């Protein structure tokens, strides 16, 4: 996704920049639920993650719902 995305920080109410892809998955598509420190997947449907974590990056796949997809995650400050 291109562009600049933001969401309110629940502690301060101030808008903070966020990754547009994460925002689309977590808020618009409701695939996951995120806080300032972590993201979780609600119990239904069952999702399975197979990730290899190396420092600030995680690569692997997620299966559930309709199909299996490759994922590449990077921690942002």
C-alpha atoms as a PDB file:
ATOM      1  CA  UNK A   1       0.000   0.000   0.000  1.00  0.00           C
ATOM      2  CA  UNK A   2       1.271   3.450  -0.814  1.00  0.00           C
ATOM      3  CA  UNK A   3       0.757   6.617   1.124  1.00  0.00           C
ATOM      4  CA  UNK A   4       1.073   7.728   4.695  1.00  0.00           C
ATOM      5  CA  UNK A   5      -1.115   6.037   7.296  1.00  0.00           C
ATOM      6  CA  UNK A   6      -1.684   6.877  10.938  1.00  0.00           C
ATOM      7  CA  UNK A   7      -3.823   5.877  13.879  1.00  0.00           C
ATOM      8  CA  UNK A   8      -4.447   7.366  17.313  1.00  0.00           C
ATOM      9  CA  UNK A   9      -2.153   6.325  20.136  1.00  0.00           C
ATOM     10  CA  UNK A  10      -4.576   5.027  22.819  1.00  0.00           C
ATOM     11  CA  UNK A  11      -2.468   6.555  25.619  1.00  0.00           C
ATOM     12  CA  UNK A  12      -2.068  10.055  24.192  1.00  0.00           C
ATOM     13  CA  UNK A  13      -4.840  10.377  21.606  1.00  0.00           C
ATOM     14  CA  UNK A  14      -2.260  11.781  19.174  1.00  0.00           C
ATOM     15  CA  UNK A  15      -2.027  10.360  15.643  1.00  0.00           C
ATOM     16  CA  UNK A  16       1.129   8.322  15.046  1.00  0.00           C
ATOM     17  CA  UNK A  17       2.443   6.957  11.732  1.00  0.00           C
ATOM     18  CA  UNK A  18       1.867   3.238  11.122  1.00  0.00           C
ATOM     19  CA  UNK A  19       2.615   0.802   8.332  1.00  0.00           C
ATOM     20  CA  UNK A  20      -0.241   1.051   5.809  1.00  0.00           C
ATOM     21  CA  UNK A  21      -0.229  -2.711   5.177  1.00  0.00           C
ATOM     22  CA  UNK A  22      -0.541  -3.495   8.883  1.00  0.00           C
ATOM     23  CA  UNK A  23      -3.313  -0.932   9.242  1.00  0.00           C
ATOM     24  CA  UNK A  24      -5.212  -2.492   6.336  1.00  0.00           C
ATOM     25  CA  UNK A  25      -4.958  -5.987   7.812  1.00  0.00           C
ATOM     26  CA  UNK A  26      -5.618  -5.073  11.412  1.00  0.00           C
ATOM     27  CA  UNK A  27      -8.269  -2.385  11.204  1.00  0.00           C
ATOM     28  CA  UNK A  28      -9.874  -2.462   7.792  1.00  0.00           C
ATOM     29  CA  UNK A  29      -9.864  -6.226   7.069  1.00  0.00           C
ATOM     30  CA  UNK A  30     -10.076  -7.150  10.780  1.00  0.00           C
ATOM     31  CA  UNK A  31      -7.561  -9.980  10.275  1.00  0.00           C
ATOM     32  CA  UNK A  32      -5.689  -9.090  13.466  1.00  0.00           C
ATOM     33  CA  UNK A  33      -5.981  -6.843  16.490  1.00  0.00           C
ATOM     34  CA  UNK A  34      -2.991  -4.697  17.468  1.00  0.00           C
ATOM     35  CA  UNK A  35      -1.879  -2.704  20.472  1.00  0.00           C
ATOM     36  CA  UNK A  36       1.250  -0.569  20.803  1.00  0.00           C
ATOM     37  CA  UNK A  37       3.285  -3.663  21.706  1.00  0.00           C
ATOM     38  CA  UNK A  38       1.813  -6.652  19.808  1.00  0.00           C
ATOM     39  CA  UNK A  39      -0.688  -7.992  17.287  1.00  0.00           C
ATOM     40  CA  UNK A  40      -2.924 -11.003  17.831  1.00  0.00           C
ATOM     41  CA  UNK A  41      -5.334 -12.949  15.655  1.00  0.00           C
ATOM     42  CA  UNK A  42      -8.861 -13.461  16.993  1.00  0.00           C
ATOM     43  CA  UNK A  43      -9.880 -17.091  17.616  1.00  0.00           C
ATOM     44  CA  UNK A  44     -12.035 -17.559  14.481  1.00  0.00           C
ATOM     45  CA  UNK A  45     -11.046 -18.534  11.853  1.00  0.00           C
ATOM     46  CA  UNK A  46      -8.027 -20.549  12.990  1.00  0.00           C
ATOM     47  CA  UNK A  47      -4.814 -19.116  11.563  1.00  0.00           C
ATOM     48  CA  UNK A  48      -1.471 -20.917  11.644  1.00  0.00           C
ATOM     49  CA  UNK A  49       1.810 -19.022  11.428  1.00  0.00           C
ATOM     50  CA  UNK A  50       5.101 -20.679  10.446  1.00  0.00           C
ATOM     51  CA  UNK A  51       7.783 -18.016  10.882  1.00  0.00           C
ATOM     52  CA  UNK A  52      11.567 -17.902  11.054  1.00  0.00           C
ATOM     53  CA  UNK A  53      12.613 -14.942  13.216  1.00  0.00           C
ATOM     54  CA  UNK A  54      16.000 -13.298  12.690  1.00  0.00           C
ATOM     55  CA  UNK A  55      16.560 -10.099  14.665  1.00  0.00           C
ATOM     56  CA  UNK A  56      13.926  -7.562  13.608  1.00  0.00           C
ATOM     57  CA  UNK A  57      12.599  -9.664  10.712  1.00  0.00           C
ATOM     58  CA  UNK A  58      10.285 -12.658  10.463  1.00  0.00           C
ATOM     59  CA  UNK A  59       9.696 -14.579   7.242  1.00  0.00           C
ATOM     60  CA  UNK A  60       7.424 -17.528   6.612  1.00  0.00           C
ATOM     61  CA  UNK A  61       3.789 -18.287   5.912  1.00  0.00           C
ATOM     62  CA  UNK A  62       0.322 -17.900   7.354  1.00  0.00           C
ATOM     63  CA  UNK A  63      -2.432 -20.427   6.673  1.00  0.00           C
ATOM     64  CA  UNK A  64      -6.105 -20.138   7.437  1.00  0.00           C
ATOM     65  CA  UNK A  65      -9.293 -18.772   6.053  1.00  0.00           C
ATOM     66  CA  UNK A  66      -9.149 -19.198   2.302  1.00  0.00           C
ATOM     67  CA  UNK A  67      -5.492 -19.869   1.482  1.00  0.00           C
ATOM     68  CA  UNK A  68      -1.838 -19.935   2.566  1.00  0.00           C
ATOM     69  CA  UNK A  69       0.275 -16.822   2.000  1.00  0.00           C
ATOM     70  CA  UNK A  70       3.943 -15.956   2.374  1.00  0.00           C
ATOM     71  CA  UNK A  71       4.610 -13.234   4.931  1.00  0.00           C
ATOM     72  CA  UNK A  72       7.613 -10.983   5.511  1.00  0.00           C
ATOM     73  CA  UNK A  73       7.433  -8.939   8.715  1.00  0.00           C
ATOM     74  CA  UNK A  74       9.833  -6.212   9.874  1.00  0.00           C
ATOM     75  CA  UNK A  75       9.807  -4.563  13.308  1.00  0.00           C
ATOM     76  CA  UNK A  76       9.525  -0.803  13.105  1.00  0.00           C
ATOM     77  CA  UNK A  77      10.538   1.634  15.829  1.00  0.00           C
END
